[in-house]
């Protein structure tokens, strides 16, 4: 039996879940107008363990979202995960934010383009196919006509917006494009972290730092 604590703090959504063998038992999250992760994350962890009726000592691993995303909130999530792993003597897992966003979006054909706002008109993005295989590395791109032109060759594109920022929807919505909103959530990390745990794809606790790009 593998009980894994999942932490997602890359955006203003402070999210915690506990999963057993890849199935989410408990999920607690709150999306605020500001970044309140330093105040809420450990409280949410306590709530999650209490609601699910487990003790921290029962955990087999902690999985944290490694980014990209907000610099400060990612550091808070990483520090909490590393601290728990050291204290409980359990391995650390991590998964990138864009994979988390894409994992439960099911499409029959086309491509997934998850997007996390970075600053101004720049965003973090990558490209996945319908099987959730990453086709491009994570990059930072400017949201402009050149970017939209660069993806015009794809037959069907599904944009996944992971945090709120100003955009002109009419630029996205065409017959070949679909716009979806999905905040990164620890609930969606359950099966991903379980698969990584089974394959023992652990991170070095002492050397781990978030992916700031």
Protein backbone atom coordinates (compact mmCIF):
# COMPACT_ATOMS: atom_id res chain seq x y z
CA UNK A 1 0.00 0.00 0.00
CA UNK A 2 1.38 3.40 -0.98
CA UNK A 3 0.04 6.50 0.73
CA UNK A 4 1.39 9.61 -0.98
CA UNK A 5 0.95 13.23 0.02
CA UNK A 6 0.69 15.52 -3.02
CA UNK A 7 1.39 19.26 -2.85
CA UNK A 8 0.60 21.76 -5.61
CA UNK A 9 1.63 25.39 -5.04
CA UNK A 10 2.66 26.69 -8.46
CA UNK A 11 -0.22 29.19 -8.77
CA UNK A 12 -2.57 30.98 -6.36
CA UNK A 13 -4.33 27.65 -5.85
CA UNK A 14 -2.95 26.13 -2.65
CA UNK A 15 -3.72 22.44 -3.07
CA UNK A 16 -3.10 19.28 -1.01
CA UNK A 17 -4.21 15.70 -1.53
CA UNK A 18 -3.55 12.27 -0.10
CA UNK A 19 -3.74 9.29 -2.43
CA UNK A 20 -3.68 5.54 -1.84
CA UNK A 21 -2.32 3.45 -4.72
CA UNK A 22 -3.07 6.28 -7.14
CA UNK A 23 -6.62 6.93 -5.92
CA UNK A 24 -7.29 10.27 -4.24
CA UNK A 25 -8.64 9.84 -0.69
CA UNK A 26 -8.76 13.49 0.36
CA UNK A 27 -8.23 16.81 -1.38
CA UNK A 28 -8.18 20.29 0.14
CA UNK A 29 -7.51 23.42 -1.87
CA UNK A 30 -8.28 27.10 -2.03
CA UNK A 31 -7.63 29.59 -4.80
CA UNK A 32 -7.12 33.06 -3.33
CA UNK A 33 -6.60 36.47 -4.86
CA UNK A 34 -3.15 36.58 -3.26
CA UNK A 35 -0.45 34.01 -2.55
CA UNK A 36 -1.23 32.70 0.95
CA UNK A 37 0.63 29.40 0.73
CA UNK A 38 2.90 30.19 3.68
CA UNK A 39 -0.19 30.54 5.88
CA UNK A 40 -2.35 27.74 4.50
CA UNK A 41 -0.19 24.89 3.22
CA UNK A 42 0.69 23.24 6.54
CA UNK A 43 -2.85 23.76 7.83
CA UNK A 44 -4.22 22.04 4.74
CA UNK A 45 -1.80 19.14 5.26
CA UNK A 46 -3.08 18.74 8.84
CA UNK A 47 -6.69 18.85 7.63
CA UNK A 48 -6.01 16.26 4.92
CA UNK A 49 -4.41 13.77 7.29
CA UNK A 50 -7.16 14.28 9.86
CA UNK A 51 -10.00 13.86 7.35
CA UNK A 52 -8.46 10.78 5.76
CA UNK A 53 -7.75 9.24 9.17
CA UNK A 54 -4.07 8.65 8.60
CA UNK A 55 -0.91 9.77 10.38
CA UNK A 56 2.03 11.44 8.71
CA UNK A 57 4.15 8.45 9.71
CA UNK A 58 1.95 6.29 7.43
CA UNK A 59 3.08 8.18 4.32
CA UNK A 60 5.37 6.40 1.88
CA UNK A 61 6.35 9.49 -0.10
CA UNK A 62 5.65 13.18 -0.70
CA UNK A 63 5.18 14.47 -4.25
CA UNK A 64 5.47 18.18 -4.99
CA UNK A 65 4.77 20.22 -8.09
CA UNK A 66 8.16 21.48 -9.21
CA UNK A 67 6.93 24.22 -11.51
CA UNK A 68 7.11 26.31 -13.52
CA UNK A 69 5.01 28.87 -11.72
CA UNK A 70 5.29 31.45 -8.96
CA UNK A 71 8.84 31.59 -7.60
CA UNK A 72 7.87 32.15 -3.95
CA UNK A 73 4.99 29.68 -3.80
CA UNK A 74 7.06 26.95 -5.47
CA UNK A 75 9.79 27.45 -2.84
CA UNK A 76 7.19 27.10 -0.08
CA UNK A 77 5.89 23.84 -1.53
CA UNK A 78 9.40 22.47 -2.09
CA UNK A 79 10.51 23.38 1.44
CA UNK A 80 7.46 21.70 2.97
CA UNK A 81 7.96 18.55 0.89
CA UNK A 82 11.67 18.31 1.65
CA UNK A 83 11.09 18.91 5.35
CA UNK A 84 8.47 16.19 5.60
CA UNK A 85 10.59 13.71 3.64
CA UNK A 86 13.60 14.34 5.88
CA UNK A 87 11.58 14.12 9.09
CA UNK A 88 9.74 10.95 8.04
CA UNK A 89 12.70 9.39 6.20
CA UNK A 90 10.67 8.83 3.03
CA UNK A 91 11.53 9.56 -0.61
CA UNK A 92 10.67 12.73 -2.51
CA UNK A 93 8.83 12.81 -5.83
CA UNK A 94 8.17 15.75 -8.13
CA UNK A 95 6.19 16.45 -11.30
CA UNK A 96 6.03 19.55 -13.47
CA UNK A 97 2.98 21.80 -13.42
CA UNK A 98 2.14 21.50 -17.12
CA UNK A 99 1.98 17.70 -16.92
CA UNK A 100 -0.39 17.99 -13.95
CA UNK A 101 -2.66 20.35 -15.90
CA UNK A 102 -2.78 18.11 -18.95
CA UNK A 103 -3.14 14.71 -17.33
CA UNK A 104 -6.92 14.56 -16.88
CA UNK A 105 -7.88 16.47 -20.01
CA UNK A 106 -9.16 13.78 -22.36
CA UNK A 107 -9.28 14.48 -26.08
CA UNK A 108 -9.86 12.11 -28.99
CA UNK A 109 -7.49 13.87 -31.36
CA UNK A 110 -5.31 16.95 -31.57
CA UNK A 111 -2.83 18.54 -29.21
CA UNK A 112 -2.83 19.98 -25.69
CA UNK A 113 -1.06 23.27 -24.95
CA UNK A 114 -1.07 24.01 -21.21
CA UNK A 115 -0.21 27.60 -20.27
CA UNK A 116 0.89 29.23 -17.02
CA UNK A 117 1.16 33.01 -16.94
CA UNK A 118 4.68 34.18 -16.12
CA UNK A 119 4.65 37.98 -16.40
CA UNK A 120 3.38 40.66 -18.75
CA UNK A 121 2.46 38.83 -21.97
CA UNK A 122 4.82 35.90 -21.39
CA UNK A 123 3.75 32.42 -20.32
CA UNK A 124 5.20 28.96 -19.67
CA UNK A 125 4.03 26.33 -22.09
CA UNK A 126 4.65 22.96 -23.69
CA UNK A 127 2.99 20.66 -26.21
CA UNK A 128 1.36 17.27 -25.54
CA UNK A 129 -0.40 14.86 -27.88
CA UNK A 130 -3.71 13.11 -27.15
CA UNK A 131 -1.81 10.33 -25.34
CA UNK A 132 -0.31 12.93 -22.95
CA UNK A 133 3.16 12.45 -24.41
CA UNK A 134 5.22 15.63 -24.23
CA UNK A 135 6.39 16.69 -27.68
CA UNK A 136 8.20 19.93 -26.79
CA UNK A 137 10.25 20.95 -23.75
CA UNK A 138 8.83 23.52 -21.35
CA UNK A 139 9.54 27.01 -22.65
CA UNK A 140 8.64 30.61 -21.97
CA UNK A 141 6.80 32.23 -24.87
CA UNK A 142 5.29 35.60 -25.71
CA UNK A 143 1.56 35.51 -26.32
CA UNK A 144 1.35 37.20 -29.70
CA UNK A 145 0.38 36.61 -33.31
CA UNK A 146 3.72 34.94 -34.04
CA UNK A 147 3.02 32.28 -31.42
CA UNK A 148 -0.45 31.58 -32.79
CA UNK A 149 0.97 31.42 -36.30
CA UNK A 150 3.59 28.90 -35.17
CA UNK A 151 0.88 26.45 -34.08
CA UNK A 152 -1.43 27.01 -37.05
CA UNK A 153 -0.11 23.82 -38.67
CA UNK A 154 -1.76 21.65 -36.00
CA UNK A 155 -5.15 20.25 -36.97
CA UNK A 156 -6.75 20.64 -33.54
CA UNK A 157 -5.39 22.50 -30.52
CA UNK A 158 -6.74 22.61 -26.97
CA UNK A 159 -5.33 25.46 -24.86
CA UNK A 160 -5.38 24.80 -21.11
CA UNK A 161 -5.18 28.01 -19.08
CA UNK A 162 -3.79 27.29 -15.61
CA UNK A 163 -4.04 30.72 -14.03
CA UNK A 164 -5.99 33.85 -14.80
CA UNK A 165 -4.44 36.56 -16.91
CA UNK A 166 -5.64 39.04 -19.47
CA UNK A 167 -6.02 37.56 -22.93
CA UNK A 168 -8.04 38.20 -26.03
CA UNK A 169 -10.24 35.13 -26.39
CA UNK A 170 -11.03 35.89 -30.00
CA UNK A 171 -7.40 35.21 -30.85
CA UNK A 172 -7.69 31.68 -29.51
CA UNK A 173 -11.15 30.61 -30.54
CA UNK A 174 -11.31 29.35 -34.11
CA UNK A 175 -12.60 26.16 -35.67
CA UNK A 176 -9.28 24.47 -34.85
CA UNK A 177 -8.81 25.75 -31.30
CA UNK A 178 -10.52 25.23 -27.96
CA UNK A 179 -9.92 27.19 -24.77
CA UNK A 180 -10.12 25.39 -21.41
CA UNK A 181 -9.49 26.62 -17.86
CA UNK A 182 -7.96 24.25 -15.32
CA UNK A 183 -5.99 25.29 -12.26
CA UNK A 184 -3.17 22.91 -11.29
CA UNK A 185 -4.51 20.67 -8.52
CA UNK A 186 -2.95 18.13 -6.16
CA UNK A 187 -5.95 15.90 -6.82
CA UNK A 188 -4.73 15.41 -10.40
CA UNK A 189 -1.29 14.36 -9.14
CA UNK A 190 -2.57 11.13 -7.55
CA UNK A 191 -1.99 8.66 -10.37
CA UNK A 192 1.10 10.47 -11.67
CA UNK A 193 2.86 10.31 -8.31
CA UNK A 194 1.85 6.68 -7.83
CA UNK A 195 3.33 5.66 -11.18
CA UNK A 196 6.57 7.50 -10.39
CA UNK A 197 6.66 5.88 -6.95
CA UNK A 198 6.28 2.39 -8.43
CA UNK A 199 9.13 3.11 -10.85
CA UNK A 200 11.21 4.60 -7.99
CA UNK A 201 11.74 7.86 -9.85
CA UNK A 202 12.73 9.72 -6.71
CA UNK A 203 14.42 13.11 -6.40
CA UNK A 204 17.50 13.90 -4.35
CA UNK A 205 16.04 15.58 -1.27
CA UNK A 206 19.15 17.63 -0.49
CA UNK A 207 19.68 18.86 -4.05
CA UNK A 208 16.06 19.35 -5.13
CA UNK A 209 15.03 22.83 -6.23
CA UNK A 210 11.91 23.86 -8.15
CA UNK A 211 11.98 24.36 -11.91
CA UNK A 212 11.94 28.15 -12.26
CA UNK A 213 12.89 28.28 -15.96
